[in-house]
Amino acid sequence: MDELSLIIYRKAHFPENRMDDNRFLADIIVLNSRIQECNRLIISLNSVMKSLALRITQLLLILGVFLFMMACSSKTRVAQISPIEKGPDMVEIFMAKSITMKQIEQEFSSYELKSKGLASRSQNIAIFNFNTAKISGTELLSILIDSEMILAAKLVDGTMSGIQSGESEKKKTVILKQ
Protein backbone atom coordinates (compact mmCIF):
# COMPACT_ATOMS: atom_id res chain seq x y z
CA MET A 1 0.00 0.00 0.00
CA ASP A 2 1.51 3.36 -0.99
CA GLU A 3 1.64 6.41 1.29
CA LEU A 4 -1.36 8.20 -0.21
CA SER A 5 -3.58 5.15 0.19
CA LEU A 6 -2.36 4.69 3.77
CA ILE A 7 -3.18 8.32 4.65
CA ILE A 8 -6.65 8.07 3.13
CA TYR A 9 -7.24 4.76 4.90
CA ARG A 10 -6.21 6.17 8.30
CA LYS A 11 -8.34 9.28 7.89
CA ALA A 12 -11.40 7.23 6.97
CA HIS A 13 -11.10 4.39 9.51
CA PHE A 14 -9.52 5.93 12.58
CA PRO A 15 -11.45 9.08 13.39
CA GLU A 16 -9.85 9.31 16.86
CA ASN A 17 -6.42 9.80 15.28
CA ARG A 18 -7.59 12.37 12.80
CA MET A 19 -4.88 14.47 11.40
CA ASP A 20 -5.60 18.03 10.75
CA ASP A 21 -6.67 18.83 7.23
CA ASN A 22 -3.66 21.04 6.53
CA ARG A 23 -1.26 18.21 7.34
CA PHE A 24 -3.30 15.87 5.14
CA LEU A 25 -3.21 18.29 2.19
CA ALA A 26 0.55 18.84 2.63
CA ASP A 27 1.14 15.07 2.53
CA ILE A 28 -0.94 14.76 -0.65
CA ILE A 29 0.98 17.63 -2.31
CA VAL A 30 4.34 16.01 -1.41
CA LEU A 31 3.18 12.67 -2.74
CA ASN A 32 1.86 14.27 -5.92
CA SER A 33 5.22 16.02 -6.54
CA ARG A 34 7.04 12.71 -6.01
CA ILE A 35 4.73 11.02 -8.51
CA GLN A 36 5.39 13.79 -11.08
CA GLU A 37 9.14 13.49 -10.51
CA CYS A 38 8.94 9.72 -11.09
CA ASN A 39 6.94 10.29 -14.30
CA ARG A 40 9.59 12.73 -15.60
CA LEU A 41 12.32 10.21 -14.77
CA ILE A 42 10.43 7.44 -16.57
CA ILE A 43 9.92 9.67 -19.63
CA SER A 44 13.62 10.60 -19.77
CA LEU A 45 14.64 6.95 -19.32
CA ASN A 46 12.20 5.99 -22.07
CA SER A 47 13.80 8.47 -24.51
CA VAL A 48 17.29 7.25 -23.51
CA MET A 49 16.20 3.65 -24.13
CA LYS A 50 14.75 4.57 -27.53
CA SER A 51 17.99 6.34 -28.48
CA LEU A 52 20.04 3.36 -27.31
CA ALA A 53 17.83 0.93 -29.22
CA LEU A 54 18.22 3.07 -32.37
CA ARG A 55 22.02 3.10 -32.00
CA ILE A 56 22.12 -0.67 -31.48
CA THR A 57 19.90 -1.19 -34.52
CA GLN A 58 22.16 1.02 -36.65
CA LEU A 59 25.25 -0.84 -35.44
CA LEU A 60 23.69 -4.23 -36.20
CA LEU A 61 22.65 -3.04 -39.66
CA ILE A 62 26.17 -1.79 -40.45
CA LEU A 63 27.67 -5.02 -39.12
CA GLY A 64 25.22 -7.08 -41.20
CA VAL A 65 26.08 -5.16 -44.39
CA PHE A 66 29.81 -5.57 -43.68
CA LEU A 67 29.45 -9.32 -43.10
CA PHE A 68 27.33 -9.67 -46.24
CA MET A 69 29.98 -7.88 -48.28
CA MET A 70 32.68 -10.12 -46.83
CA ALA A 71 30.67 -13.25 -47.60
CA CYS A 72 29.97 -12.14 -51.16
CA SER A 73 33.53 -11.18 -52.02
CA SER A 74 35.32 -13.66 -54.23
CA LYS A 75 37.74 -16.02 -52.53
CA THR A 76 39.96 -16.03 -55.59
CA ARG A 77 41.37 -12.90 -57.10
CA VAL A 78 41.00 -12.58 -60.82
CA ALA A 79 43.61 -10.91 -62.96
CA GLN A 80 41.99 -8.23 -65.04
CA ILE A 81 43.22 -7.96 -68.60
CA SER A 82 43.42 -4.38 -69.63
CA PRO A 83 43.65 -4.05 -73.31
CA ILE A 84 44.06 -7.56 -74.64
CA GLU A 85 47.08 -7.86 -76.85
CA LYS A 86 45.96 -9.94 -79.78
CA GLY A 87 48.34 -12.59 -80.91
CA PRO A 88 48.49 -15.95 -82.59
CA ASP A 89 49.44 -17.57 -79.28
CA MET A 90 46.25 -16.59 -77.41
CA VAL A 91 42.95 -18.44 -77.15
CA GLU A 92 39.65 -17.45 -75.49
CA ILE A 93 37.93 -20.37 -73.77
CA PHE A 94 34.29 -20.60 -72.62
CA MET A 95 34.62 -23.10 -69.77
CA ALA A 96 31.87 -25.29 -68.31
CA LYS A 97 30.27 -23.89 -65.17
CA SER A 98 32.30 -25.68 -62.47
CA ILE A 99 35.65 -25.65 -64.33
CA THR A 100 38.51 -23.41 -63.18
CA MET A 101 41.45 -21.95 -65.08
CA LYS A 102 43.82 -24.18 -63.08
CA GLN A 103 41.99 -27.30 -64.26
CA ILE A 104 42.29 -26.17 -67.89
CA GLU A 105 46.02 -25.47 -67.43
CA GLN A 106 46.55 -28.93 -65.90
CA GLU A 107 44.48 -30.74 -68.54
CA PHE A 108 46.32 -29.09 -71.44
CA SER A 109 49.77 -28.70 -69.86
CA SER A 110 51.40 -30.45 -72.84
CA TYR A 111 50.50 -27.37 -74.95
CA GLU A 112 51.76 -25.05 -72.19
CA LEU A 113 48.40 -23.34 -71.72
CA LYS A 114 48.88 -20.47 -69.24
CA SER A 115 46.03 -18.36 -67.92
CA LYS A 116 46.05 -14.61 -68.61
CA GLY A 117 42.86 -14.00 -66.60
CA LEU A 118 39.09 -13.95 -66.94
CA ALA A 119 37.47 -12.12 -69.83
CA SER A 120 34.02 -12.64 -68.26
CA ARG A 121 33.47 -13.91 -64.74
CA SER A 122 29.72 -14.35 -65.16
CA GLN A 123 30.10 -16.46 -68.32
CA ASN A 124 33.29 -18.22 -67.13
CA ILE A 125 35.33 -17.13 -70.16
CA ALA A 126 39.12 -17.01 -69.78
CA ILE A 127 42.10 -16.02 -71.92
CA PHE A 128 45.07 -18.40 -72.22
CA ASN A 129 48.47 -18.32 -73.89
CA PHE A 130 49.78 -21.47 -75.55
CA ASN A 131 53.06 -22.57 -77.12
CA THR A 132 52.76 -22.16 -80.91
CA ALA A 133 55.92 -24.27 -81.36
CA LYS A 134 54.07 -27.29 -79.95
CA ILE A 135 50.67 -26.84 -81.62
CA SER A 136 48.97 -24.53 -84.10
CA GLY A 137 45.95 -22.46 -83.16
CA THR A 138 43.49 -24.39 -85.33
CA GLU A 139 44.72 -27.76 -83.99
CA LEU A 140 44.42 -26.48 -80.42
CA LEU A 141 40.86 -25.27 -81.07
CA SER A 142 39.73 -28.70 -82.29
CA ILE A 143 41.36 -30.39 -79.25
CA LEU A 144 39.77 -27.86 -76.85
CA ILE A 145 36.31 -28.24 -78.38
CA ASP A 146 36.49 -32.04 -77.95
CA SER A 147 36.98 -31.62 -74.19
CA GLU A 148 33.99 -31.96 -71.85
CA MET A 149 35.41 -29.09 -69.80
CA ILE A 150 35.12 -26.55 -72.61
CA LEU A 151 31.94 -25.30 -74.22
CA ALA A 152 33.54 -23.06 -76.86
CA ALA A 153 36.92 -21.65 -77.86
CA LYS A 154 38.35 -19.10 -80.28
CA LEU A 155 41.68 -17.59 -81.16
CA VAL A 156 42.07 -14.08 -79.82
CA ASP A 157 43.52 -12.74 -83.09
CA GLY A 158 40.06 -13.36 -84.57
CA THR A 159 41.16 -15.40 -87.57
CA MET A 160 39.17 -18.49 -86.60
CA SER A 161 36.71 -19.44 -83.89
CA GLY A 162 35.09 -22.60 -82.68
CA ILE A 163 31.50 -22.33 -81.49
CA GLN A 164 29.37 -25.04 -79.98
CA SER A 165 26.04 -25.06 -81.78
CA GLY A 166 24.53 -28.26 -80.42
CA GLU A 167 25.19 -31.79 -79.18
CA SER A 168 24.23 -35.16 -80.59
CA GLU A 169 25.11 -38.46 -78.92
CA LYS A 170 27.61 -36.71 -76.59
CA LYS A 171 29.55 -35.22 -79.53
CA LYS A 172 29.64 -31.48 -80.02
CA THR A 173 28.83 -29.88 -83.30
CA VAL A 174 31.34 -27.17 -84.01
CA ILE A 175 31.05 -24.35 -86.51
CA LEU A 176 34.33 -22.80 -87.57
CA LYS A 177 34.20 -19.21 -88.80
CA GLN A 178 36.81 -17.42 -90.87
Foldseek 3Di string as FASTA:
>chain_A
DDPLVVLVVCCVPPVVPHDDPVVNVVVVVVVVVVVVVVVVVVVVVVVVVVVVVVVVVVVVVVVVVVVVVVVPDDPDDWDDDDPDDADQQKKKFQWPDVDDPVNVCVVPVVQPWDWPTAPDPVRRITMTGGHCVRDGPVVVQVVQCQDPGTQWMQGRNPPKTWHFDDDDPNGTDTDIDD
